[in-house]
Amino acid sequence: MTAVSQLVCTAAHADLPGDPPATGVDVRFHEAGVQYDRPWTLRCGAGGNATPVAG
């Protein structure tokens, strides 16, 4: 999970239109070779850990 947190938080801290806070940026993951109805949606938490977005 450490690698996922690093990827999510790095992406969330990128320069984005409107300069949203990293904790408000949804990052979606698609896992190759696995059938899911939808991608995983995660956010970078205040402590630097990726947390799932409910809903």
N, C-alpha and C. Protein backbone atom coordinates (compact mmCIF):
# COMPACT_ATOMS: atom_id res chain seq x y z
N MET A 1 0.82 -1.20 0.00
CA MET A 1 0.00 0.00 0.00
C MET A 1 0.87 1.26 0.00
N THR A 2 2.12 1.14 0.42
CA THR A 2 3.01 2.30 0.44
C THR A 2 3.19 2.87 -0.95
N ALA A 3 3.39 2.00 -1.94
CA ALA A 3 3.59 2.47 -3.31
C ALA A 3 2.34 3.17 -3.84
N VAL A 4 1.16 2.63 -3.53
CA VAL A 4 -0.09 3.26 -3.96
C VAL A 4 -0.23 4.63 -3.32
N SER A 5 0.06 4.74 -2.04
CA SER A 5 -0.01 6.05 -1.36
C SER A 5 0.94 7.04 -2.00
N GLN A 6 2.14 6.59 -2.33
CA GLN A 6 3.11 7.50 -2.95
C GLN A 6 2.61 7.98 -4.30
N LEU A 7 2.06 7.09 -5.11
CA LEU A 7 1.53 7.48 -6.42
C LEU A 7 0.35 8.43 -6.29
N VAL A 8 -0.58 8.11 -5.41
CA VAL A 8 -1.77 8.95 -5.23
C VAL A 8 -1.38 10.34 -4.75
N CYS A 9 -0.52 10.42 -3.74
CA CYS A 9 -0.16 11.72 -3.18
C CYS A 9 0.71 12.54 -4.15
N THR A 10 1.56 11.86 -4.93
CA THR A 10 2.34 12.57 -5.94
C THR A 10 1.41 13.18 -6.99
N ALA A 11 0.45 12.39 -7.46
CA ALA A 11 -0.50 12.89 -8.46
C ALA A 11 -1.37 14.01 -7.88
N ALA A 12 -1.78 13.87 -6.63
CA ALA A 12 -2.66 14.87 -6.01
C ALA A 12 -1.95 16.20 -5.79
N HIS A 13 -0.63 16.19 -5.66
CA HIS A 13 0.13 17.42 -5.46
C HIS A 13 0.58 18.07 -6.77
N ALA A 14 0.17 17.52 -7.90
CA ALA A 14 0.53 18.09 -9.21
C ALA A 14 -0.15 19.45 -9.39
N ASP A 15 0.38 20.23 -10.32
CA ASP A 15 -0.26 21.51 -10.66
C ASP A 15 -1.56 21.22 -11.40
N LEU A 16 -2.68 21.58 -10.79
CA LEU A 16 -3.99 21.33 -11.38
C LEU A 16 -4.75 22.64 -11.50
N PRO A 17 -5.64 22.74 -12.50
CA PRO A 17 -6.44 23.95 -12.63
C PRO A 17 -7.22 24.25 -11.35
N GLY A 18 -7.20 25.46 -10.92
CA GLY A 18 -7.92 25.88 -9.73
C GLY A 18 -7.14 25.65 -8.45
N ASP A 19 -5.97 25.01 -8.54
CA ASP A 19 -5.09 24.76 -7.40
C ASP A 19 -5.82 24.15 -6.21
N PRO A 20 -6.50 23.00 -6.41
CA PRO A 20 -7.21 22.37 -5.29
C PRO A 20 -6.22 21.78 -4.28
N PRO A 21 -6.64 21.63 -3.02
CA PRO A 21 -5.77 20.97 -2.04
C PRO A 21 -5.62 19.49 -2.40
N ALA A 22 -4.48 18.92 -2.08
CA ALA A 22 -4.23 17.50 -2.40
C ALA A 22 -5.28 16.59 -1.78
N THR A 23 -5.79 16.96 -0.62
CA THR A 23 -6.79 16.13 0.05
C THR A 23 -8.15 16.17 -0.63
N GLY A 24 -8.31 17.02 -1.64
CA GLY A 24 -9.57 17.13 -2.36
C GLY A 24 -9.49 16.62 -3.79
N VAL A 25 -8.37 15.99 -4.16
CA VAL A 25 -8.18 15.51 -5.52
C VAL A 25 -8.44 14.00 -5.57
N ASP A 26 -9.39 13.58 -6.40
CA ASP A 26 -9.66 12.16 -6.60
C ASP A 26 -8.67 11.60 -7.62
N VAL A 27 -8.06 10.49 -7.28
CA VAL A 27 -7.13 9.80 -8.19
C VAL A 27 -7.72 8.43 -8.44
N ARG A 28 -7.91 8.08 -9.71
CA ARG A 28 -8.52 6.79 -10.05
C ARG A 28 -7.47 5.84 -10.61
N PHE A 29 -7.51 4.61 -10.13
CA PHE A 29 -6.59 3.56 -10.55
C PHE A 29 -7.35 2.48 -11.31
N HIS A 30 -6.72 1.97 -12.34
CA HIS A 30 -7.22 0.80 -13.07
C HIS A 30 -6.14 -0.26 -12.94
N GLU A 31 -6.50 -1.45 -12.50
CA GLU A 31 -5.54 -2.53 -12.37
C GLU A 31 -5.59 -3.42 -13.60
N ALA A 32 -4.47 -3.53 -14.30
CA ALA A 32 -4.40 -4.32 -15.53
C ALA A 32 -4.69 -5.80 -15.24
N GLY A 33 -5.48 -6.41 -16.08
CA GLY A 33 -5.75 -7.83 -15.98
C GLY A 33 -6.80 -8.21 -14.95
N VAL A 34 -7.41 -7.24 -14.29
CA VAL A 34 -8.42 -7.51 -13.28
C VAL A 34 -9.72 -6.87 -13.71
N GLN A 35 -10.80 -7.61 -13.63
CA GLN A 35 -12.10 -7.10 -14.04
C GLN A 35 -12.80 -6.43 -12.87
N TYR A 36 -12.97 -5.13 -12.94
CA TYR A 36 -13.72 -4.37 -11.94
C TYR A 36 -14.81 -3.61 -12.66
N ASP A 37 -15.90 -3.34 -11.96
CA ASP A 37 -16.96 -2.53 -12.55
C ASP A 37 -16.50 -1.11 -12.76
N ARG A 38 -15.57 -0.66 -11.91
CA ARG A 38 -15.07 0.72 -12.00
C ARG A 38 -13.67 0.77 -11.39
N PRO A 39 -12.96 1.84 -11.67
CA PRO A 39 -11.60 1.96 -11.09
C PRO A 39 -11.66 2.25 -9.60
N TRP A 40 -10.54 2.06 -8.93
CA TRP A 40 -10.43 2.46 -7.53
C TRP A 40 -10.32 3.97 -7.50
N THR A 41 -11.02 4.62 -6.60
CA THR A 41 -10.90 6.06 -6.43
C THR A 41 -10.32 6.30 -5.04
N LEU A 42 -9.20 7.03 -5.01
CA LEU A 42 -8.48 7.29 -3.76
C LEU A 42 -8.17 8.76 -3.63
N ARG A 43 -7.90 9.19 -2.41
CA ARG A 43 -7.44 10.55 -2.13
C ARG A 43 -6.23 10.48 -1.22
N CYS A 44 -5.40 11.49 -1.33
CA CYS A 44 -4.25 11.60 -0.44
C CYS A 44 -4.74 12.21 0.88
N GLY A 45 -4.56 11.48 1.97
CA GLY A 45 -4.97 11.99 3.28
C GLY A 45 -3.98 13.00 3.81
N ALA A 46 -4.37 13.70 4.85
CA ALA A 46 -3.51 14.71 5.46
C ALA A 46 -2.19 14.13 5.93
N GLY A 47 -2.17 12.86 6.30
CA GLY A 47 -0.94 12.22 6.77
C GLY A 47 -0.11 11.60 5.67
N GLY A 48 -0.52 11.80 4.40
CA GLY A 48 0.23 11.25 3.27
C GLY A 48 -0.11 9.83 2.91
N ASN A 49 -1.24 9.32 3.40
CA ASN A 49 -1.68 7.98 3.08
C ASN A 49 -2.88 8.02 2.16
N ALA A 50 -2.91 7.13 1.18
CA ALA A 50 -4.05 7.04 0.27
C ALA A 50 -5.24 6.43 1.01
N THR A 51 -6.40 7.05 0.85
CA THR A 51 -7.62 6.53 1.46
C THR A 51 -8.70 6.39 0.39
N PRO A 52 -9.50 5.33 0.45
CA PRO A 52 -10.56 5.15 -0.54
C PRO A 52 -11.63 6.24 -0.42
N VAL A 53 -12.19 6.59 -1.57
CA VAL A 53 -13.30 7.54 -1.60
C VAL A 53 -14.58 6.73 -1.65
N ALA A 54 -15.44 6.93 -0.68
CA ALA A 54 -16.71 6.19 -0.63
C ALA A 54 -17.66 6.70 -1.70
N GLY A 55 -18.44 5.77 -2.21
CA GLY A 55 -19.49 6.15 -3.15
C GLY A 55 -19.07 5.99 -4.52
